[in-house]
Amino acid sequence: MDGAEPVLDPMLESLPDAVVAAMEVRDAWRKRVAEQGGGLEFLISDLARWRPGSAVKVAFLDGDTALHQDIVDATKQITDACHLELDFGLVNGKFRRWKTTDTARVADIQVSFDKGGFWSLVGTDSNDPNISDPANGIGGGPGQRSLNLGGFATQRPARWKGTARHEFMHALAFHHSHQNMRGPCKDEFRWEDDPGYVPTTDARGVFVPDPAGRRPGIYTYLAGPPNRWSRGKVDHNLRTVESPDVIAGPFDTDSVMLYQFQAFFYKTSPSPCGPTGNGEDLSDGDKRGLRLIYPHTEEGMSDIKTRAGAALDKMGDEAGIERSPFEARVVELLNGLVNA
């Protein structure tokens, strides 16, 4: 931006408010339970991941077979790096499909190309029926989208492989690198307007520098089109995630999970928060993270099973116990890990 009119950004990743609200209620409950200790920390640190070594089913709502094959090929870079399979259900040259009229969930990750923007639920939220926005057809329930690559069926972005990998990394429990608590982005972003900024928009309604050259901050800029985000939504999507449910490695500027923002988002140039990767390929750090979460080794698998078993013992695994939907989901996930 730097004194010039900004280019209108595409919409940033954003889930519907109803989905975010359901996640916040669930996460608050899990955090309270985990604070009881006795092995229940597992609820926070591990339940977002799929069972290592498992085949995570994927299905497509729309798009043709050629597009589906391209997505399969792009995600191979992910599965080559870890002990997890993405099962696209290839039969007689066709890949698995799902419909909005389904009465049962067809796949763990249900992909669409028809909604606006690029986004995904994170990890096992992808098939969690408690995380749902029926009005928009988004969530983990039957006939709902959990991952969207908007417009891919008609026109793909220049670095479409990187976009697809980014969203599938979310679906495998990875968060944005700019939200890494070990990174510099929280202090490097220009959250507020320049002092004295007078709200000024162009013909499109985009906030731009005022006549004195003072710039809008991130909160103001994203309040305008096309995102129209509240401060709370900006915080949810861009602020550092200081939570024990996020497995965070070292901050990695080469990561495919690090956004490239416009220059005016940053306080300095070049910014230590700016990406240095090519925007398409997984970094060495991404691959290390995948191996950490989905280990090939018996030792890694044994550790996960032991911690899951301790959490399950603490919660009680007796049949017939009346449980809330949140509790039932946790027990389901823990049993899946213990019985891997």
C-alpha atoms as a PDB file:
ATOM      1  CA  MET A   1       0.000   0.000   0.000  1.00  0.00           C
ATOM      2  CA  ASP A   2       2.709   2.476   1.064  1.00  0.00           C
ATOM      3  CA  GLY A   3       0.927   5.592  -0.180  1.00  0.00           C
ATOM      4  CA  ALA A   4      -0.605   3.859  -3.194  1.00  0.00           C
ATOM      5  CA  GLU A   5      -4.084   2.502  -3.572  1.00  0.00           C
ATOM      6  CA  PRO A   6      -4.203  -1.158  -2.557  1.00  0.00           C
ATOM      7  CA  VAL A   7      -5.186  -3.879  -4.953  1.00  0.00           C
ATOM      8  CA  LEU A   8      -8.499  -5.417  -3.938  1.00  0.00           C
ATOM      9  CA  ASP A   9      -7.650  -8.601  -2.096  1.00  0.00           C
ATOM     10  CA  PRO A  10      -9.446 -11.854  -2.674  1.00  0.00           C
ATOM     11  CA  MET A  11     -11.474 -12.941   0.308  1.00  0.00           C
ATOM     12  CA  LEU A  12      -9.282 -14.340   3.057  1.00  0.00           C
ATOM     13  CA  GLU A  13     -10.033 -17.701   4.613  1.00  0.00           C
ATOM     14  CA  SER A  14     -13.024 -17.467   6.896  1.00  0.00           C
ATOM     15  CA  LEU A  15     -15.539 -19.959   8.229  1.00  0.00           C
ATOM     16  CA  PRO A  16     -19.170 -18.952   8.918  1.00  0.00           C
ATOM     17  CA  ASP A  17     -19.824 -17.397  12.311  1.00  0.00           C
ATOM     18  CA  ALA A  18     -22.078 -20.314  13.279  1.00  0.00           C
ATOM     19  CA  VAL A  19     -19.245 -22.794  12.720  1.00  0.00           C
ATOM     20  CA  VAL A  20     -16.747 -20.654  14.626  1.00  0.00           C
ATOM     21  CA  ALA A  21     -19.206 -20.257  17.514  1.00  0.00           C
ATOM     22  CA  ALA A  22     -19.698 -24.031  17.748  1.00  0.00           C
ATOM     23  CA  MET A  23     -15.927 -24.530  17.768  1.00  0.00           C
ATOM     24  CA  GLU A  24     -15.452 -21.944  20.514  1.00  0.00           C
ATOM     25  CA  VAL A  25     -18.046 -23.590  22.772  1.00  0.00           C
ATOM     26  CA  ARG A  26     -16.490 -27.009  22.197  1.00  0.00           C
ATOM     27  CA  ASP A  27     -12.927 -25.750  22.710  1.00  0.00           C
ATOM     28  CA  ALA A  28     -13.837 -23.983  25.956  1.00  0.00           C
ATOM     29  CA  TRP A  29     -15.372 -27.199  27.288  1.00  0.00           C
ATOM     30  CA  ARG A  30     -12.356 -29.298  26.263  1.00  0.00           C
ATOM     31  CA  LYS A  31     -10.005 -26.831  27.903  1.00  0.00           C
ATOM     32  CA  ARG A  32     -11.934 -26.962  31.179  1.00  0.00           C
ATOM     33  CA  VAL A  33     -11.899 -30.759  31.130  1.00  0.00           C
ATOM     34  CA  ALA A  34      -8.198 -30.903  30.262  1.00  0.00           C
ATOM     35  CA  GLU A  35      -7.343 -28.656  33.200  1.00  0.00           C
ATOM     36  CA  GLN A  36      -8.465 -31.478  35.489  1.00  0.00           C
ATOM     37  CA  GLY A  37      -5.204 -33.245  34.581  1.00  0.00           C
ATOM     38  CA  GLY A  38      -4.712 -36.954  35.010  1.00  0.00           C
ATOM     39  CA  GLY A  39      -4.075 -37.551  31.334  1.00  0.00           C
ATOM     40  CA  LEU A  40      -6.886 -35.359  30.056  1.00  0.00           C
ATOM     41  CA  GLU A  41      -4.376 -32.924  28.562  1.00  0.00           C
ATOM     42  CA  PHE A  42      -4.625 -35.284  25.590  1.00  0.00           C
ATOM     43  CA  LEU A  43      -8.035 -33.818  24.804  1.00  0.00           C
ATOM     44  CA  ILE A  44      -6.382 -30.557  23.929  1.00  0.00           C
ATOM     45  CA  SER A  45      -3.089 -31.540  22.351  1.00  0.00           C
ATOM     46  CA  ASP A  46      -3.988 -34.483  20.152  1.00  0.00           C
ATOM     47  CA  LEU A  47      -7.652 -34.851  19.253  1.00  0.00           C
ATOM     48  CA  ALA A  48      -7.466 -32.649  16.160  1.00  0.00           C
ATOM     49  CA  ARG A  49      -5.227 -35.136  14.367  1.00  0.00           C
ATOM     50  CA  TRP A  50      -6.476 -38.193  12.508  1.00  0.00           C
ATOM     51  CA  ARG A  51      -5.319 -41.621  13.615  1.00  0.00           C
ATOM     52  CA  PRO A  52      -1.777 -42.123  12.286  1.00  0.00           C
ATOM     53  CA  GLY A  53      -1.662 -44.808   9.632  1.00  0.00           C
ATOM     54  CA  SER A  54      -5.358 -44.517   8.839  1.00  0.00           C
ATOM     55  CA  ALA A  55      -7.051 -43.855   5.507  1.00  0.00           C
ATOM     56  CA  VAL A  56      -8.941 -40.556   5.664  1.00  0.00           C
ATOM     57  CA  LYS A  57     -11.805 -40.655   3.169  1.00  0.00           C
ATOM     58  CA  VAL A  58     -12.232 -37.727   0.769  1.00  0.00           C
ATOM     59  CA  ALA A  59     -15.184 -37.024  -1.536  1.00  0.00           C
ATOM     60  CA  PHE A  60     -16.062 -34.297  -4.056  1.00  0.00           C
ATOM     61  CA  LEU A  61     -19.361 -32.463  -4.449  1.00  0.00           C
ATOM     62  CA  ASP A  62     -18.737 -30.930  -7.859  1.00  0.00           C
ATOM     63  CA  GLY A  63     -16.011 -30.552 -10.463  1.00  0.00           C
ATOM     64  CA  ASP A  64     -15.000 -33.056 -13.121  1.00  0.00           C
ATOM     65  CA  THR A  65     -12.715 -36.074 -12.971  1.00  0.00           C
ATOM     66  CA  ALA A  66      -9.756 -34.170 -14.429  1.00  0.00           C
ATOM     67  CA  LEU A  67      -9.956 -31.606 -11.619  1.00  0.00           C
ATOM     68  CA  HIS A  68     -10.324 -34.349  -9.033  1.00  0.00           C
ATOM     69  CA  GLN A  69      -7.218 -36.080 -10.399  1.00  0.00           C
ATOM     70  CA  ASP A  70      -5.262 -32.829 -10.176  1.00  0.00           C
ATOM     71  CA  ILE A  71      -6.247 -32.442  -6.513  1.00  0.00           C
ATOM     72  CA  VAL A  72      -5.207 -36.037  -5.837  1.00  0.00           C
ATOM     73  CA  ASP A  73      -1.846 -35.425  -7.498  1.00  0.00           C
ATOM     74  CA  ALA A  74      -1.288 -32.158  -5.605  1.00  0.00           C
ATOM     75  CA  THR A  75      -1.982 -33.718  -2.207  1.00  0.00           C
ATOM     76  CA  LYS A  76       0.425 -36.595  -2.811  1.00  0.00           C
ATOM     77  CA  GLN A  77       3.206 -34.277  -1.654  1.00  0.00           C
ATOM     78  CA  ILE A  78       1.478 -34.257   1.750  1.00  0.00           C
ATOM     79  CA  THR A  79       0.870 -37.974   2.138  1.00  0.00           C
ATOM     80  CA  ASP A  80       4.369 -38.815   0.889  1.00  0.00           C
ATOM     81  CA  ALA A  81       5.699 -37.000   3.959  1.00  0.00           C
ATOM     82  CA  CYS A  82       3.740 -38.827   6.664  1.00  0.00           C
ATOM     83  CA  HIS A  83       2.022 -42.008   7.810  1.00  0.00           C
ATOM     84  CA  LEU A  84      -1.484 -41.197   6.604  1.00  0.00           C
ATOM     85  CA  GLU A  85      -3.485 -41.950   3.476  1.00  0.00           C
ATOM     86  CA  LEU A  86      -5.983 -39.718   1.719  1.00  0.00           C
ATOM     87  CA  ASP A  87      -8.499 -42.150   0.232  1.00  0.00           C
ATOM     88  CA  PHE A  88     -10.261 -40.512  -2.719  1.00  0.00           C
ATOM     89  CA  GLY A  89     -12.290 -43.635  -3.496  1.00  0.00           C
ATOM     90  CA  LEU A  90     -11.139 -44.206  -7.064  1.00  0.00           C
ATOM     91  CA  VAL A  91     -13.396 -46.784  -8.755  1.00  0.00           C
ATOM     92  CA  ASN A  92     -13.581 -47.340 -12.518  1.00  0.00           C
ATOM     93  CA  GLY A  93     -11.790 -44.075 -13.217  1.00  0.00           C
ATOM     94  CA  LYS A  94     -14.101 -41.981 -11.019  1.00  0.00           C
ATOM     95  CA  PHE A  95     -13.466 -40.524  -7.578  1.00  0.00           C
ATOM     96  CA  ARG A  96     -15.798 -40.627  -4.590  1.00  0.00           C
ATOM     97  CA  ARG A  97     -18.610 -38.059  -4.601  1.00  0.00           C
ATOM     98  CA  TRP A  98     -21.014 -36.705  -2.011  1.00  0.00           C
ATOM     99  CA  LYS A  99     -24.335 -34.840  -2.316  1.00  0.00           C
ATOM    100  CA  THR A 100     -26.008 -32.104  -0.300  1.00  0.00           C
ATOM    101  CA  THR A 101     -29.002 -34.437   0.083  1.00  0.00           C
ATOM    102  CA  ASP A 102     -26.986 -37.187   1.785  1.00  0.00           C
ATOM    103  CA  THR A 103     -28.494 -38.431   5.043  1.00  0.00           C
ATOM    104  CA  ALA A 104     -25.207 -39.970   6.206  1.00  0.00           C
ATOM    105  CA  ARG A 105     -21.670 -38.624   5.990  1.00  0.00           C
ATOM    106  CA  VAL A 106     -19.978 -40.031   2.881  1.00  0.00           C
ATOM    107  CA  ALA A 107     -16.388 -39.030   3.675  1.00  0.00           C
ATOM    108  CA  ASP A 108     -14.240 -37.556   6.423  1.00  0.00           C
ATOM    109  CA  ILE A 109     -13.238 -34.602   4.233  1.00  0.00           C
ATOM    110  CA  GLN A 110     -16.008 -33.404   1.917  1.00  0.00           C
ATOM    111  CA  VAL A 111     -14.679 -31.088  -0.772  1.00  0.00           C
ATOM    112  CA  SER A 112     -16.627 -28.496  -2.741  1.00  0.00           C
ATOM    113  CA  PHE A 113     -15.743 -25.909  -5.361  1.00  0.00           C
ATOM    114  CA  ASP A 114     -19.014 -23.960  -5.334  1.00  0.00           C
ATOM    115  CA  LYS A 115     -18.719 -21.671  -2.299  1.00  0.00           C
ATOM    116  CA  GLY A 116     -16.753 -18.437  -2.249  1.00  0.00           C
ATOM    117  CA  GLY A 117     -13.156 -18.443  -1.065  1.00  0.00           C
ATOM    118  CA  PHE A 118     -10.744 -21.115   0.106  1.00  0.00           C
ATOM    119  CA  TRP A 119     -11.198 -22.642   3.550  1.00  0.00           C
ATOM    120  CA  SER A 120     -11.263 -25.856   5.538  1.00  0.00           C
ATOM    121  CA  LEU A 121     -12.251 -27.164   8.915  1.00  0.00           C
ATOM    122  CA  VAL A 122      -9.220 -28.230  10.932  1.00  0.00           C
ATOM    123  CA  GLY A 123      -8.418 -31.911  11.395  1.00  0.00           C
ATOM    124  CA  THR A 124     -11.118 -34.106  12.901  1.00  0.00           C
ATOM    125  CA  ASP A 125     -13.535 -31.176  12.998  1.00  0.00           C
ATOM    126  CA  SER A 126     -14.023 -32.117   9.347  1.00  0.00           C
ATOM    127  CA  ASN A 127     -16.386 -34.959  10.246  1.00  0.00           C
ATOM    128  CA  ASP A 128     -17.661 -33.718  13.610  1.00  0.00           C
ATOM    129  CA  PRO A 129     -21.466 -33.296  13.417  1.00  0.00           C
ATOM    130  CA  ASN A 130     -21.312 -30.910  16.383  1.00  0.00           C
ATOM    131  CA  ILE A 131     -19.429 -28.399  14.205  1.00  0.00           C
ATOM    132  CA  SER A 132     -22.127 -27.385  11.777  1.00  0.00           C
ATOM    133  CA  ASP A 133     -23.847 -24.524   9.984  1.00  0.00           C
ATOM    134  CA  PRO A 134     -26.881 -26.110   8.290  1.00  0.00           C
ATOM    135  CA  ALA A 135     -27.978 -22.815   6.741  1.00  0.00           C
ATOM    136  CA  ASN A 136     -24.786 -22.653   4.668  1.00  0.00           C
ATOM    137  CA  GLY A 137     -24.245 -26.383   4.246  1.00  0.00           C
ATOM    138  CA  ILE A 138     -20.882 -26.226   5.997  1.00  0.00           C
ATOM    139  CA  GLY A 139     -19.665 -28.512   8.749  1.00  0.00           C
ATOM    140  CA  GLY A 140     -19.015 -32.100   9.703  1.00  0.00           C
ATOM    141  CA  GLY A 141     -22.524 -33.436   9.242  1.00  0.00           C
ATOM    142  CA  PRO A 142     -24.188 -35.296   6.362  1.00  0.00           C
ATOM    143  CA  GLY A 143     -24.407 -33.329   3.128  1.00  0.00           C
ATOM    144  CA  GLN A 144     -22.079 -30.593   4.398  1.00  0.00           C
ATOM    145  CA  ARG A 145     -18.850 -29.129   3.047  1.00  0.00           C
ATOM    146  CA  SER A 146     -15.732 -29.283   5.193  1.00  0.00           C
ATOM    147  CA  LEU A 147     -13.213 -27.982   2.621  1.00  0.00           C
ATOM    148  CA  ASN A 148     -13.843 -25.508  -0.179  1.00  0.00           C
ATOM    149  CA  LEU A 149     -11.704 -24.468  -3.131  1.00  0.00           C
ATOM    150  CA  GLY A 150     -13.965 -21.794  -4.535  1.00  0.00           C
ATOM    151  CA  GLY A 151     -13.941 -21.383  -8.305  1.00  0.00           C
ATOM    152  CA  PHE A 152     -11.508 -24.214  -9.029  1.00  0.00           C
ATOM    153  CA  ALA A 153     -14.102 -25.833 -11.291  1.00  0.00           C
ATOM    154  CA  THR A 154     -14.112 -22.788 -13.590  1.00  0.00           C
ATOM    155  CA  GLN A 155     -10.806 -20.955 -13.074  1.00  0.00           C
ATOM    156  CA  ARG A 156      -7.974 -21.861 -10.736  1.00  0.00           C
ATOM    157  CA  PRO A 157      -5.614 -19.329  -9.154  1.00  0.00           C
ATOM    158  CA  ALA A 158      -2.061 -19.128 -10.462  1.00  0.00           C
ATOM    159  CA  ARG A 159      -0.647 -21.122  -7.545  1.00  0.00           C
ATOM    160  CA  TRP A 160      -3.567 -23.483  -7.229  1.00  0.00           C
ATOM    161  CA  LYS A 161      -1.437 -26.415  -6.072  1.00  0.00           C
ATOM    162  CA  GLY A 162      -0.241 -24.395  -3.093  1.00  0.00           C
ATOM    163  CA  THR A 163      -3.814 -23.369  -2.289  1.00  0.00           C
ATOM    164  CA  ALA A 164      -4.998 -26.979  -2.420  1.00  0.00           C
ATOM    165  CA  ARG A 165      -2.105 -28.154  -0.244  1.00  0.00           C
ATOM    166  CA  HIS A 166      -2.700 -25.318   2.220  1.00  0.00           C
ATOM    167  CA  GLU A 167      -6.351 -26.278   2.698  1.00  0.00           C
ATOM    168  CA  PHE A 168      -5.645 -30.005   2.926  1.00  0.00           C
ATOM    169  CA  MET A 169      -2.974 -29.256   5.533  1.00  0.00           C
ATOM    170  CA  HIS A 170      -5.732 -27.555   7.536  1.00  0.00           C
ATOM    171  CA  ALA A 171      -7.833 -30.682   7.080  1.00  0.00           C
ATOM    172  CA  LEU A 172      -4.933 -32.672   8.565  1.00  0.00           C
ATOM    173  CA  ALA A 173      -4.893 -30.444  11.693  1.00  0.00           C
ATOM    174  CA  PHE A 174      -2.398 -27.724  10.714  1.00  0.00           C
ATOM    175  CA  HIS A 175      -3.039 -24.069  11.581  1.00  0.00           C
ATOM    176  CA  HIS A 176      -1.741 -20.918   9.911  1.00  0.00           C
ATOM    177  CA  SER A 177       1.926 -20.160  10.469  1.00  0.00           C
ATOM    178  CA  HIS A 178       1.183 -16.483  11.125  1.00  0.00           C
ATOM    179  CA  GLN A 179      -0.771 -17.638  14.202  1.00  0.00           C
ATOM    180  CA  ASN A 180       2.220 -19.553  15.571  1.00  0.00           C
ATOM    181  CA  MET A 181       2.881 -18.329  19.110  1.00  0.00           C
ATOM    182  CA  ARG A 182       6.614 -18.746  18.453  1.00  0.00           C
ATOM    183  CA  GLY A 183       6.568 -16.433  15.451  1.00  0.00           C
ATOM    184  CA  PRO A 184       6.885 -12.645  15.075  1.00  0.00           C
ATOM    185  CA  CYS A 185       3.588 -11.896  13.323  1.00  0.00           C
ATOM    186  CA  LYS A 186       1.556 -10.729  16.310  1.00  0.00           C
ATOM    187  CA  ASP A 187       3.985  -7.865  16.915  1.00  0.00           C
ATOM    188  CA  GLU A 188       4.756  -7.313  13.247  1.00  0.00           C
ATOM    189  CA  PHE A 189       1.218  -6.729  11.962  1.00  0.00           C
ATOM    190  CA  ARG A 190      -0.115  -3.159  11.712  1.00  0.00           C
ATOM    191  CA  TRP A 191      -3.372  -3.773  13.540  1.00  0.00           C
ATOM    192  CA  GLU A 192      -4.393  -0.130  13.999  1.00  0.00           C
ATOM    193  CA  ASP A 193      -4.683   2.877  11.686  1.00  0.00           C
ATOM    194  CA  ASP A 194      -1.857   5.356  11.363  1.00  0.00           C
ATOM    195  CA  PRO A 195      -2.391   8.125  13.964  1.00  0.00           C
ATOM    196  CA  GLY A 196      -4.924  10.642  12.695  1.00  0.00           C
ATOM    197  CA  TYR A 197      -6.121   8.465   9.811  1.00  0.00           C
ATOM    198  CA  VAL A 198      -9.389   9.711   8.327  1.00  0.00           C
ATOM    199  CA  PRO A 199     -11.454   6.787   6.960  1.00  0.00           C
ATOM    200  CA  THR A 200     -11.238   7.071   3.185  1.00  0.00           C
ATOM    201  CA  THR A 201     -12.539   4.657   0.556  1.00  0.00           C
ATOM    202  CA  ASP A 202     -12.182   4.289  -3.178  1.00  0.00           C
ATOM    203  CA  ALA A 203     -15.014   3.666  -5.641  1.00  0.00           C
ATOM    204  CA  ARG A 204     -15.101   0.001  -4.636  1.00  0.00           C
ATOM    205  CA  GLY A 205     -15.505   0.808  -0.951  1.00  0.00           C
ATOM    206  CA  VAL A 206     -11.978  -0.360  -0.121  1.00  0.00           C
ATOM    207  CA  PHE A 207     -10.259   1.588   2.647  1.00  0.00           C
ATOM    208  CA  VAL A 208      -7.259   3.462   1.238  1.00  0.00           C
ATOM    209  CA  PRO A 209      -4.760   6.051   2.507  1.00  0.00           C
ATOM    210  CA  ASP A 210      -6.337   9.391   3.323  1.00  0.00           C
ATOM    211  CA  PRO A 211      -5.318  12.618   1.515  1.00  0.00           C
ATOM    212  CA  ALA A 212      -2.458  13.076   3.999  1.00  0.00           C
ATOM    213  CA  GLY A 213      -1.052   9.625   3.170  1.00  0.00           C
ATOM    214  CA  ARG A 214      -2.038   8.055   6.498  1.00  0.00           C
ATOM    215  CA  ARG A 215      -2.903   4.383   6.098  1.00  0.00           C
ATOM    216  CA  PRO A 216      -5.699   2.231   7.429  1.00  0.00           C
ATOM    217  CA  GLY A 217      -4.702  -0.572   9.758  1.00  0.00           C
ATOM    218  CA  ILE A 218      -5.630  -4.210   9.332  1.00  0.00           C
ATOM    219  CA  TYR A 219      -8.819  -3.884  11.388  1.00  0.00           C
ATOM    220  CA  THR A 220     -10.096  -1.024   9.245  1.00  0.00           C
ATOM    221  CA  TYR A 221      -8.954  -2.472   5.932  1.00  0.00           C
ATOM    222  CA  LEU A 222     -10.582  -5.857   6.512  1.00  0.00           C
ATOM    223  CA  ALA A 223     -13.803  -4.180   7.675  1.00  0.00           C
ATOM    224  CA  GLY A 224     -14.281  -3.112   4.058  1.00  0.00           C
ATOM    225  CA  PRO A 225     -15.006  -5.245   0.988  1.00  0.00           C
ATOM    226  CA  PRO A 226     -14.624  -8.007   0.104  1.00  0.00           C
ATOM    227  CA  ASN A 227     -14.112  -9.426   3.620  1.00  0.00           C
ATOM    228  CA  ARG A 228     -16.203  -7.108   5.848  1.00  0.00           C
ATOM    229  CA  TRP A 229     -14.768  -8.623   9.003  1.00  0.00           C
ATOM    230  CA  SER A 230     -15.486  -7.482  12.539  1.00  0.00           C
ATOM    231  CA  ARG A 231     -12.579  -7.048  14.950  1.00  0.00           C
ATOM    232  CA  GLY A 232     -13.489 -10.351  16.549  1.00  0.00           C
ATOM    233  CA  LYS A 233     -13.288 -12.119  13.206  1.00  0.00           C
ATOM    234  CA  VAL A 234      -9.924 -10.513  12.444  1.00  0.00           C
ATOM    235  CA  ASP A 235      -8.611 -11.707  15.804  1.00  0.00           C
ATOM    236  CA  HIS A 236      -9.902 -15.247  15.249  1.00  0.00           C
ATOM    237  CA  ASN A 237      -8.290 -15.518  11.819  1.00  0.00           C
ATOM    238  CA  LEU A 238      -5.072 -13.534  12.222  1.00  0.00           C
ATOM    239  CA  ARG A 239      -4.113 -13.194  15.880  1.00  0.00           C
ATOM    240  CA  THR A 240      -1.601 -15.544  17.464  1.00  0.00           C
ATOM    241  CA  VAL A 241      -3.159 -18.748  18.752  1.00  0.00           C
ATOM    242  CA  GLU A 242      -1.884 -19.037  22.317  1.00  0.00           C
ATOM    243  CA  SER A 243      -3.639 -22.261  23.113  1.00  0.00           C
ATOM    244  CA  PRO A 244      -2.489 -25.718  24.200  1.00  0.00           C
ATOM    245  CA  ASP A 245      -4.597 -27.339  21.472  1.00  0.00           C
ATOM    246  CA  VAL A 246      -2.180 -26.138  18.792  1.00  0.00           C
ATOM    247  CA  ILE A 247       0.944 -28.185  18.163  1.00  0.00           C
ATOM    248  CA  ALA A 248       3.437 -25.481  17.214  1.00  0.00           C
ATOM    249  CA  GLY A 249       6.928 -26.040  15.919  1.00  0.00           C
ATOM    250  CA  PRO A 250       9.480 -23.345  15.103  1.00  0.00           C
ATOM    251  CA  PHE A 251       8.175 -20.462  13.008  1.00  0.00           C
ATOM    252  CA  ASP A 252       8.831 -21.330   9.366  1.00  0.00           C
ATOM    253  CA  THR A 253       8.858 -18.601   6.718  1.00  0.00           C
ATOM    254  CA  ASP A 254       9.042 -21.250   3.974  1.00  0.00           C
ATOM    255  CA  SER A 255       5.830 -22.956   5.115  1.00  0.00           C
ATOM    256  CA  VAL A 256       2.932 -23.353   2.720  1.00  0.00           C
ATOM    257  CA  MET A 257       0.794 -22.407   5.747  1.00  0.00           C
ATOM    258  CA  LEU A 258       2.169 -18.846   5.886  1.00  0.00           C
ATOM    259  CA  TYR A 259       0.058 -16.228   4.121  1.00  0.00           C
ATOM    260  CA  GLN A 260       1.475 -13.592   1.791  1.00  0.00           C
ATOM    261  CA  PHE A 261      -0.201 -10.341   2.808  1.00  0.00           C
ATOM    262  CA  GLN A 262       0.085  -6.938   1.201  1.00  0.00           C
ATOM    263  CA  ALA A 263       3.081  -4.894   2.312  1.00  0.00           C
ATOM    264  CA  PHE A 264       1.006  -2.445   4.361  1.00  0.00           C
ATOM    265  CA  PHE A 265      -0.047  -5.263   6.725  1.00  0.00           C
ATOM    266  CA  TYR A 266       3.495  -5.251   8.139  1.00  0.00           C
ATOM    267  CA  LYS A 267       5.375  -2.696  10.211  1.00  0.00           C
ATOM    268  CA  THR A 268       8.680  -3.308   8.455  1.00  0.00           C
ATOM    269  CA  SER A 269       9.854  -4.198   4.964  1.00  0.00           C
ATOM    270  CA  PRO A 270      11.032  -6.809   4.393  1.00  0.00           C
ATOM    271  CA  SER A 271       9.040  -8.277   7.243  1.00  0.00           C
ATOM    272  CA  PRO A 272      10.230 -11.203   9.378  1.00  0.00           C
ATOM    273  CA  CYS A 273       6.624 -12.407   9.104  1.00  0.00           C
ATOM    274  CA  GLY A 274       6.688 -12.438   5.305  1.00  0.00           C
ATOM    275  CA  PRO A 275       6.890 -15.776   3.485  1.00  0.00           C
ATOM    276  CA  THR A 276      10.062 -16.854   1.723  1.00  0.00           C
ATOM    277  CA  GLY A 277       8.718 -20.064   0.164  1.00  0.00           C
ATOM    278  CA  ASN A 278       7.349 -20.387  -3.354  1.00  0.00           C
ATOM    279  CA  GLY A 279       3.741 -20.608  -2.164  1.00  0.00           C
ATOM    280  CA  GLU A 280       3.212 -24.027  -3.719  1.00  0.00           C
ATOM    281  CA  ASP A 281       5.481 -26.639  -2.192  1.00  0.00           C
ATOM    282  CA  LEU A 282       5.679 -27.948   1.352  1.00  0.00           C
ATOM    283  CA  SER A 283       8.717 -26.729   3.238  1.00  0.00           C
ATOM    284  CA  ASP A 284      11.086 -29.019   5.101  1.00  0.00           C
ATOM    285  CA  GLY A 285       9.422 -27.717   8.262  1.00  0.00           C
ATOM    286  CA  ASP A 286       5.972 -28.661   6.950  1.00  0.00           C
ATOM    287  CA  LYS A 287       7.220 -32.181   6.273  1.00  0.00           C
ATOM    288  CA  ARG A 288       8.787 -32.463   9.728  1.00  0.00           C
ATOM    289  CA  GLY A 289       5.482 -31.374  11.241  1.00  0.00           C
ATOM    290  CA  LEU A 290       3.602 -34.010   9.273  1.00  0.00           C
ATOM    291  CA  ARG A 291       6.018 -36.709  10.443  1.00  0.00           C
ATOM    292  CA  LEU A 292       5.610 -35.509  14.031  1.00  0.00           C
ATOM    293  CA  ILE A 293       1.816 -35.651  13.970  1.00  0.00           C
ATOM    294  CA  TYR A 294       1.563 -38.780  11.815  1.00  0.00           C
ATOM    295  CA  PRO A 295       4.656 -40.818  12.737  1.00  0.00           C
ATOM    296  CA  HIS A 296       5.828 -43.911  10.908  1.00  0.00           C
ATOM    297  CA  THR A 297       7.610 -45.326  13.963  1.00  0.00           C
ATOM    298  CA  GLU A 298       6.179 -47.822  16.436  1.00  0.00           C
ATOM    299  CA  GLU A 299       7.521 -45.650  19.253  1.00  0.00           C
ATOM    300  CA  GLY A 300       5.533 -42.653  18.068  1.00  0.00           C
ATOM    301  CA  MET A 301       2.371 -44.717  17.639  1.00  0.00           C
ATOM    302  CA  SER A 302       2.783 -46.320  21.062  1.00  0.00           C
ATOM    303  CA  ASP A 303       3.091 -42.925  22.748  1.00  0.00           C
ATOM    304  CA  ILE A 304      -0.142 -41.707  21.152  1.00  0.00           C
ATOM    305  CA  LYS A 305      -2.017 -44.863  22.191  1.00  0.00           C
ATOM    306  CA  THR A 306      -0.732 -44.620  25.763  1.00  0.00           C
ATOM    307  CA  ARG A 307      -1.839 -41.016  26.172  1.00  0.00           C
ATOM    308  CA  ALA A 308      -5.203 -41.695  24.546  1.00  0.00           C
ATOM    309  CA  GLY A 309      -5.730 -44.654  26.862  1.00  0.00           C
ATOM    310  CA  ALA A 310      -4.956 -42.563  29.943  1.00  0.00           C
ATOM    311  CA  ALA A 311      -7.472 -39.924  28.862  1.00  0.00           C
ATOM    312  CA  LEU A 312     -10.092 -42.575  28.141  1.00  0.00           C
ATOM    313  CA  ASP A 313      -9.594 -44.164  31.573  1.00  0.00           C
ATOM    314  CA  LYS A 314     -10.041 -40.774  33.210  1.00  0.00           C
ATOM    315  CA  MET A 315     -13.292 -40.099  31.365  1.00  0.00           C
ATOM    316  CA  GLY A 316     -14.654 -43.592  31.862  1.00  0.00           C
ATOM    317  CA  ASP A 317     -15.403 -45.902  28.971  1.00  0.00           C
ATOM    318  CA  GLU A 318     -18.278 -47.870  30.432  1.00  0.00           C
ATOM    319  CA  ALA A 319     -21.193 -48.622  28.150  1.00  0.00           C
ATOM    320  CA  GLY A 320     -24.475 -46.946  28.975  1.00  0.00           C
ATOM    321  CA  ILE A 321     -23.023 -43.716  30.363  1.00  0.00           C
ATOM    322  CA  GLU A 322     -25.122 -40.745  29.304  1.00  0.00           C
ATOM    323  CA  ARG A 323     -22.859 -38.232  27.614  1.00  0.00           C
ATOM    324  CA  SER A 324     -23.226 -34.858  25.988  1.00  0.00           C
ATOM    325  CA  PRO A 325     -22.536 -34.716  22.231  1.00  0.00           C
ATOM    326  CA  PHE A 326     -19.126 -33.174  22.992  1.00  0.00           C
ATOM    327  CA  GLU A 327     -18.229 -35.980  25.418  1.00  0.00           C
ATOM    328  CA  ALA A 328     -19.459 -38.678  23.054  1.00  0.00           C
ATOM    329  CA  ARG A 329     -17.306 -37.258  20.275  1.00  0.00           C
ATOM    330  CA  VAL A 330     -14.207 -37.235  22.487  1.00  0.00           C
ATOM    331  CA  VAL A 331     -14.751 -40.855  23.534  1.00  0.00           C
ATOM    332  CA  GLU A 332     -15.211 -41.825  19.878  1.00  0.00           C
ATOM    333  CA  LEU A 333     -11.917 -40.179  18.887  1.00  0.00           C
ATOM    334  CA  LEU A 334     -10.007 -41.624  21.832  1.00  0.00           C
ATOM    335  CA  ASN A 335     -11.267 -45.139  21.126  1.00  0.00           C
ATOM    336  CA  GLY A 336     -10.149 -44.765  17.529  1.00  0.00           C
ATOM    337  CA  LEU A 337      -6.624 -43.901  18.664  1.00  0.00           C
ATOM    338  CA  VAL A 338      -6.413 -46.591  21.349  1.00  0.00           C
ATOM    339  CA  ASN A 339      -7.594 -49.295  18.957  1.00  0.00           C
ATOM    340  CA  ALA A 340      -5.343 -48.218  16.098  1.00  0.00           C
END
